[in-house]
Protein backbone atom coordinates (compact mmCIF):
# COMPACT_ATOMS: atom_id res chain seq x y z
CA MET A 1 -43.29 55.88 -8.66
CA ASN A 2 -43.04 53.71 -11.81
CA ARG A 3 -39.66 54.54 -11.94
CA LYS A 4 -39.00 52.24 -8.73
CA VAL A 5 -41.43 50.12 -9.58
CA THR A 6 -39.38 49.20 -12.79
CA ILE A 7 -36.19 49.25 -10.71
CA PHE A 8 -37.27 46.96 -8.42
CA GLY A 9 -38.60 44.59 -10.83
CA GLY A 10 -35.44 44.87 -12.76
CA ILE A 11 -33.31 43.57 -9.40
CA VAL A 12 -35.85 41.15 -8.78
CA LEU A 13 -35.39 39.66 -12.39
CA PHE A 14 -31.56 39.72 -11.83
CA ILE A 15 -31.62 38.21 -9.03
CA LEU A 16 -33.84 35.71 -10.34
CA LEU A 17 -31.39 35.26 -13.51
CA LEU A 18 -28.41 34.51 -11.00
CA LEU A 19 -30.34 31.99 -9.52
CA VAL A 20 -30.89 29.91 -12.46
CA LEU A 21 -27.87 30.57 -13.93
CA GLY A 22 -26.16 29.48 -10.61
CA SER A 23 -28.46 26.61 -10.49
CA ILE A 24 -27.56 25.48 -13.71
CA TYR A 25 -23.67 25.80 -13.42
CA LEU A 26 -24.06 23.45 -9.54
CA GLU A 27 -26.07 21.47 -11.65
CA ASN A 28 -23.59 20.86 -14.38
CA GLN A 29 -20.69 20.73 -11.99
CA ASN A 30 -22.38 18.04 -10.09
CA GLU A 31 -22.98 16.03 -13.17
CA GLU A 32 -19.08 16.29 -14.02
CA MET A 33 -17.92 14.92 -10.75
CA TYR A 34 -20.43 12.45 -10.94
CA ASN A 35 -18.82 11.64 -14.58
CA ASP A 36 -15.14 11.79 -13.89
CA SER A 37 -15.26 9.56 -10.34
CA LEU A 38 -18.18 7.04 -11.06
CA MET A 39 -16.84 3.65 -10.75
CA SER A 40 -18.62 0.24 -10.62
CA ASN A 41 -16.97 -3.03 -9.31
CA TYR A 42 -17.22 -6.45 -8.49
CA GLU A 43 -16.11 -8.48 -5.78
CA TYR A 44 -15.73 -12.16 -4.91
CA ASN A 45 -14.67 -13.54 -1.68
CA ILE A 46 -14.26 -16.67 -0.45
CA ILE A 47 -13.67 -17.85 3.42
CA ILE A 48 -12.92 -21.42 4.49
CA GLU A 49 -12.48 -22.40 8.21
CA SER A 50 -11.63 -26.06 9.44
CA ASN A 51 -11.05 -26.84 12.88
CA SER A 52 -8.59 -29.81 11.91
CA THR A 53 -7.23 -31.38 8.73
CA LEU A 54 -9.06 -32.05 5.27
CA GLN A 55 -7.34 -34.36 3.05
CA ASN A 56 -8.14 -35.15 -0.80
CA VAL A 57 -10.14 -31.87 -1.01
CA THR A 58 -12.86 -31.10 -3.86
CA LEU A 59 -14.97 -27.94 -3.22
CA TYR A 60 -17.53 -26.60 -5.79
CA LEU A 61 -18.81 -23.23 -4.41
CA PRO A 62 -21.27 -20.89 -6.02
CA VAL A 63 -19.71 -18.33 -8.39
CA PRO A 64 -20.75 -14.98 -9.84
CA VAL A 65 -22.61 -16.26 -13.19
CA PHE A 66 -24.29 -13.80 -16.06
CA GLU A 67 -25.28 -15.63 -19.25
CA ASN A 68 -23.73 -19.02 -18.20
CA GLU A 69 -20.46 -16.89 -18.04
CA SER A 70 -18.20 -16.04 -14.97
CA GLU A 71 -15.90 -13.37 -16.22
CA VAL A 72 -15.23 -12.61 -11.96
CA GLY A 73 -14.76 -16.59 -11.63
CA LEU A 74 -11.96 -16.42 -14.58
CA GLU A 75 -10.68 -13.39 -12.52
CA MET A 76 -10.16 -15.19 -9.04
CA VAL A 77 -8.32 -18.43 -11.04
CA ASN A 78 -6.15 -16.31 -13.16
CA GLY A 79 -5.57 -13.61 -11.61
CA ASP A 80 -2.68 -12.26 -8.81
CA TYR A 81 -4.47 -10.87 -5.88
CA TYR A 82 -3.78 -10.83 -2.19
CA ASN A 83 -3.87 -14.35 -0.05
CA LYS A 84 -4.57 -16.23 -3.42
CA PRO A 85 -3.83 -20.04 -1.78
CA SER A 86 -0.50 -21.18 -3.75
CA ASN A 87 -0.80 -25.42 -3.16
CA TRP A 88 -4.58 -25.22 -4.24
CA ASN A 89 -5.64 -26.01 -7.60
CA LEU A 90 -8.07 -23.27 -8.69
CA SER A 91 -10.49 -23.55 -11.70
CA LEU A 92 -14.02 -22.92 -13.09
CA THR A 93 -15.86 -26.00 -13.69
CA ASP A 94 -19.27 -27.01 -15.66
CA THR A 95 -21.82 -28.97 -13.16
CA GLU A 96 -25.44 -30.56 -13.27
CA HIS A 97 -26.04 -27.25 -11.65
CA GLY A 98 -24.03 -24.82 -13.79
CA PRO A 99 -20.66 -23.23 -13.66
CA MET A 100 -19.35 -23.53 -10.27
CA PHE A 101 -15.89 -22.43 -8.79
CA LYS A 102 -14.29 -25.79 -8.21
CA ILE A 103 -11.08 -26.38 -5.14
CA GLU A 104 -8.78 -28.79 -5.10
CA ALA A 105 -6.27 -29.46 -2.65
CA ALA A 106 -4.30 -32.83 -1.43
CA GLU A 107 -4.72 -31.27 2.09
CA ILE A 108 -5.49 -28.50 3.91
CA LYS A 109 -4.25 -28.04 7.45
CA PRO A 110 -5.77 -25.25 10.02
CA VAL A 111 -4.00 -22.84 11.30
CA TYR A 112 -3.98 -21.81 15.12
CA HIS A 113 -2.63 -19.21 16.64
CA SER A 114 -1.43 -17.65 19.86
CA LEU A 115 -3.24 -15.01 21.52
CA PRO A 116 -2.36 -11.15 20.41
CA VAL A 117 0.31 -9.52 22.55
CA ALA A 118 0.34 -6.26 23.61
CA VAL A 119 3.19 -4.37 22.24
CA PRO A 120 4.96 -1.97 25.22
CA GLU A 121 5.74 1.62 24.77
CA PRO A 122 9.24 1.84 23.57
CA GLU A 123 11.61 3.41 25.99
CA PRO A 124 13.20 6.37 25.85
CA GLY A 125 16.04 6.33 23.11
CA SER A 126 15.02 2.73 21.86
CA GLU A 127 15.39 2.26 18.28
CA ASN A 128 13.89 -0.57 17.67
CA ILE A 129 10.73 -1.36 19.52
CA GLU A 130 10.71 -5.04 18.63
CA ASP A 131 13.80 -5.17 20.88
CA GLU A 132 11.46 -4.56 23.76
CA VAL A 133 9.28 -7.82 22.92
CA GLN A 134 10.59 -11.06 24.22
CA GLU A 135 11.27 -14.06 22.27
CA GLU A 136 8.17 -16.32 23.86
CA GLU A 137 6.05 -12.97 23.32
CA GLN A 138 5.96 -13.35 19.99
CA ILE A 139 2.97 -14.96 17.79
CA VAL A 140 3.17 -18.57 17.98
CA GLU A 141 1.27 -21.07 15.14
CA SER A 142 0.42 -24.03 15.30
CA ASN A 143 -1.77 -27.18 13.18
CA GLU A 144 -3.63 -27.87 16.24
CA TYR A 145 -5.74 -26.13 18.79
CA SER A 146 -3.60 -25.68 22.08
CA GLU A 147 -3.92 -23.48 25.34
CA GLU A 148 -0.68 -21.72 23.55
CA THR A 149 -2.78 -21.63 20.44
CA PRO A 150 -6.35 -21.49 20.64
CA VAL A 151 -7.33 -18.88 17.90
CA LEU A 152 -8.29 -20.31 14.99
CA THR A 153 -7.39 -18.57 11.25
CA SER A 154 -9.75 -18.86 8.45
CA PHE A 155 -8.38 -19.10 4.86
CA ASP A 156 -9.48 -15.67 3.24
CA PHE A 157 -9.29 -14.65 -0.67
CA GLY A 158 -10.69 -12.60 -3.04
CA THR A 159 -10.53 -10.62 -6.07
CA ASN A 160 -11.97 -7.27 -7.50
CA VAL A 161 -13.06 -6.59 -10.91
CA ARG A 162 -13.66 -3.44 -12.47
CA ALA A 163 -17.06 -3.19 -14.69
CA ASP A 164 -17.55 -1.98 -17.95
CA HIS A 165 -21.07 -0.34 -17.33
CA MET A 166 -22.98 0.71 -14.33
CA ILE A 167 -23.75 -2.00 -12.56
CA ASN A 168 -27.84 -2.44 -12.01
CA THR A 169 -27.90 -2.92 -8.49
CA ARG A 170 -31.39 -2.55 -7.52
CA PHE A 171 -32.21 -5.81 -10.09
CA PRO A 172 -29.24 -7.57 -10.13
CA VAL A 173 -30.93 -11.17 -10.92
CA GLY A 174 -31.32 -11.55 -14.77
CA ASN A 175 -29.17 -8.21 -15.44
CA GLU A 176 -25.70 -8.89 -13.72
CA SER A 177 -23.69 -11.38 -12.29
CA VAL A 178 -25.11 -13.16 -9.29
CA LEU A 179 -24.03 -16.49 -7.00
CA LEU A 180 -25.62 -19.61 -8.72
CA PRO A 181 -27.26 -21.88 -8.14
CA LYS A 182 -29.92 -19.71 -6.68
CA ASN A 183 -33.29 -21.69 -6.06
CA ASN A 184 -36.56 -20.52 -4.52
CA LEU A 185 -35.77 -16.84 -4.17
CA ARG A 186 -37.89 -15.17 -2.17
CA GLU A 187 -38.52 -11.86 -0.09
CA SER A 188 -37.16 -12.22 3.66
CA GLU A 189 -39.19 -11.53 6.32
CA GLU A 190 -35.44 -9.76 7.89
CA GLY A 191 -34.52 -6.42 7.44
CA SER A 192 -31.65 -4.00 8.27
CA GLU A 193 -30.04 -4.99 11.76
CA ILE A 194 -29.39 -0.78 12.13
CA PRO A 195 -32.16 1.85 11.37
CA LEU A 196 -31.83 3.48 7.95
CA PRO A 197 -32.40 6.74 6.59
CA GLU A 198 -35.32 7.16 4.97
CA HIS A 199 -33.93 7.73 1.42
CA ILE A 200 -32.07 4.01 1.71
CA ASN A 201 -34.10 1.32 1.24
CA PRO A 202 -33.11 -2.02 0.42
CA GLU A 203 -34.60 -5.18 -0.16
CA TYR A 204 -33.81 -8.54 1.05
CA PHE A 205 -34.28 -11.79 -0.29
CA ASP A 206 -33.61 -15.53 0.90
CA TYR A 207 -32.45 -18.64 -1.31
CA GLU A 208 -31.60 -22.23 -0.95
CA SER A 209 -28.01 -22.97 -2.81
CA LEU A 210 -25.94 -25.78 -3.17
CA VAL A 211 -21.98 -27.04 -2.31
CA TYR A 212 -20.47 -30.06 -3.72
CA ALA A 213 -17.47 -31.05 -0.99
CA HIS A 214 -15.48 -34.17 -1.03
CA TYR A 215 -12.74 -34.81 1.64
CA ASP A 216 -11.54 -37.15 4.14
CA ALA A 217 -11.49 -35.76 7.77
CA SER A 218 -12.16 -37.02 11.52
CA PRO A 219 -15.85 -37.33 12.68
CA ASP A 220 -15.23 -34.38 15.14
CA THR A 221 -14.26 -31.91 12.14
CA GLU A 222 -16.34 -28.33 11.34
CA VAL A 223 -15.97 -26.99 8.24
CA GLN A 224 -17.44 -23.80 7.64
CA ILE A 225 -17.72 -22.46 4.47
CA PHE A 226 -18.92 -18.30 3.21
CA VAL A 227 -19.01 -16.71 -0.20
CA GLN A 228 -19.91 -13.54 -1.03
CA MET A 229 -20.61 -11.48 -3.97
CA ASP A 230 -20.80 -7.51 -4.40
CA GLY A 231 -21.81 -5.34 -6.99
CA ARG A 232 -21.09 -1.40 -6.16
CA ASN A 233 -21.25 1.94 -7.67
CA GLU A 234 -19.45 4.90 -6.04
CA TRP A 235 -19.01 8.63 -7.22
CA TRP A 236 -17.82 11.69 -5.67
CA ILE A 237 -20.17 14.86 -5.20
CA TYR A 238 -18.73 16.72 -2.84
CA GLY A 239 -18.44 13.43 -0.86
CA TRP A 240 -18.69 9.65 -1.70
CA GLN A 241 -21.79 8.06 -2.19
CA SER A 242 -22.48 4.63 -3.57
CA ASN A 243 -25.18 1.93 -4.13
CA GLY A 244 -24.99 -1.75 -4.46
CA TYR A 245 -26.35 -4.85 -3.83
CA SER A 246 -24.91 -8.15 -1.61
CA ASP A 247 -25.29 -11.98 -2.29
CA ARG A 248 -23.91 -14.60 -0.29
CA ILE A 249 -24.52 -17.93 1.25
CA SER A 250 -22.97 -19.89 4.10
CA ILE A 251 -22.88 -23.64 5.04
CA ARG A 252 -21.68 -25.53 8.28
CA LEU A 253 -20.22 -29.12 7.49
CA SER A 254 -19.40 -31.61 10.12
CA GLY A 255 -17.25 -34.41 9.40
CA PRO A 256 -16.05 -36.04 6.19
CA GLN A 257 -18.30 -34.98 3.08
CA GLU A 258 -18.87 -36.56 -0.14
CA GLY A 259 -21.57 -35.20 -2.07
CA TRP A 260 -24.22 -32.11 -2.24
CA VAL A 261 -25.16 -30.13 0.43
CA LYS A 262 -27.80 -27.17 0.71
CA ALA A 263 -26.61 -23.86 1.60
CA GLU A 264 -28.37 -20.60 2.87
CA GLY A 265 -28.21 -17.69 0.56
CA LYS A 266 -28.97 -14.05 1.18
CA LEU A 267 -29.66 -11.29 -1.32
CA ILE A 268 -29.70 -7.56 -0.55
CA THR A 269 -30.42 -5.51 -3.54
CA GLY A 270 -30.81 -1.42 -3.69
CA ASP A 271 -28.86 -0.61 -1.38
CA GLY A 272 -27.52 2.91 -0.89
CA VAL A 273 -28.02 6.16 -2.82
CA TYR A 274 -29.53 6.68 -6.07
CA LYS A 275 -29.53 9.85 -8.00
CA GLU A 276 -33.17 9.43 -9.53
C-alpha cells in the first residue's frame, strides 16, 4: 500500500514539475517573441480640403511637441514620404503659442474628379483590360465643381517616425509628443462608438487648440483641416497586439482668413492591450 502511495505521489510530483517547467518555457517564449517583435512608432497626418482656390496661403497647424522640440515635425519637413506636397513650402516655426507646423503656398487649387467607373469584366482572350474601358469613361479631373466632376479630393499627407523607446500610451501628456497648443484639457463625456472588450479601457479627453490661417478666397469658400498624431506600440505573441494614443484636431473655415482661430481637439489614451 505504502509503495503504491509513493509511486502515485511521485507521478503527481512529476506532472507538477512538467507543468511548472512548461509554464516557465512558455513564459520565456512569449517574452522572447515580445522583445523580438516590439515596435513603437509615431504617425503624423494632415488633411486639408477646400472647395475653391486659396491664394497667398499661410497656415500654422498644431505639431507633435515634447520638451519644446518636434522630431516628428522635422521629419514632416525634411523627410521623403508619400503624397508630400511638392509645391508647398513646409517648415517649423516658433510662435507665441509654441512650435507649430507652417505651410506656405502661392495657391492651393481644389481637385474635383468624376464618379468612379465600374471596370467591366474582360472578354475572353482580351490581353489588356484597359482596352475594354472607353476613353470617355476614364476618370476626369477639374479645379471646379461640375456635374461631370462632383467629387472633391482632399490633400492628405503624413509621415511615420520610429521611436527609440516604449511609448507611454496611457499617460502621453507630459511624457510623449502630443499636439500643441493644447488648452483646457478635460475628460470627455463621449466614449467609444462601438462596444469594447472588458480589458480595453481607453480614456477620452476634449481640449481647445489654435490654428493660424491667412489666405485670400471667395466668400463662399469652405475649408476643412484635420490634424492627427498617433503613438503606438505593437508586438507579436501568436498574433499582433497593440496599444496606443490618438490626438487630433479639426476646424472648419469659411471665406478669406487672417489670424488665429480656435480648433476643437480630442485625445484618446490607453487604447489597446497592455501586458501588465
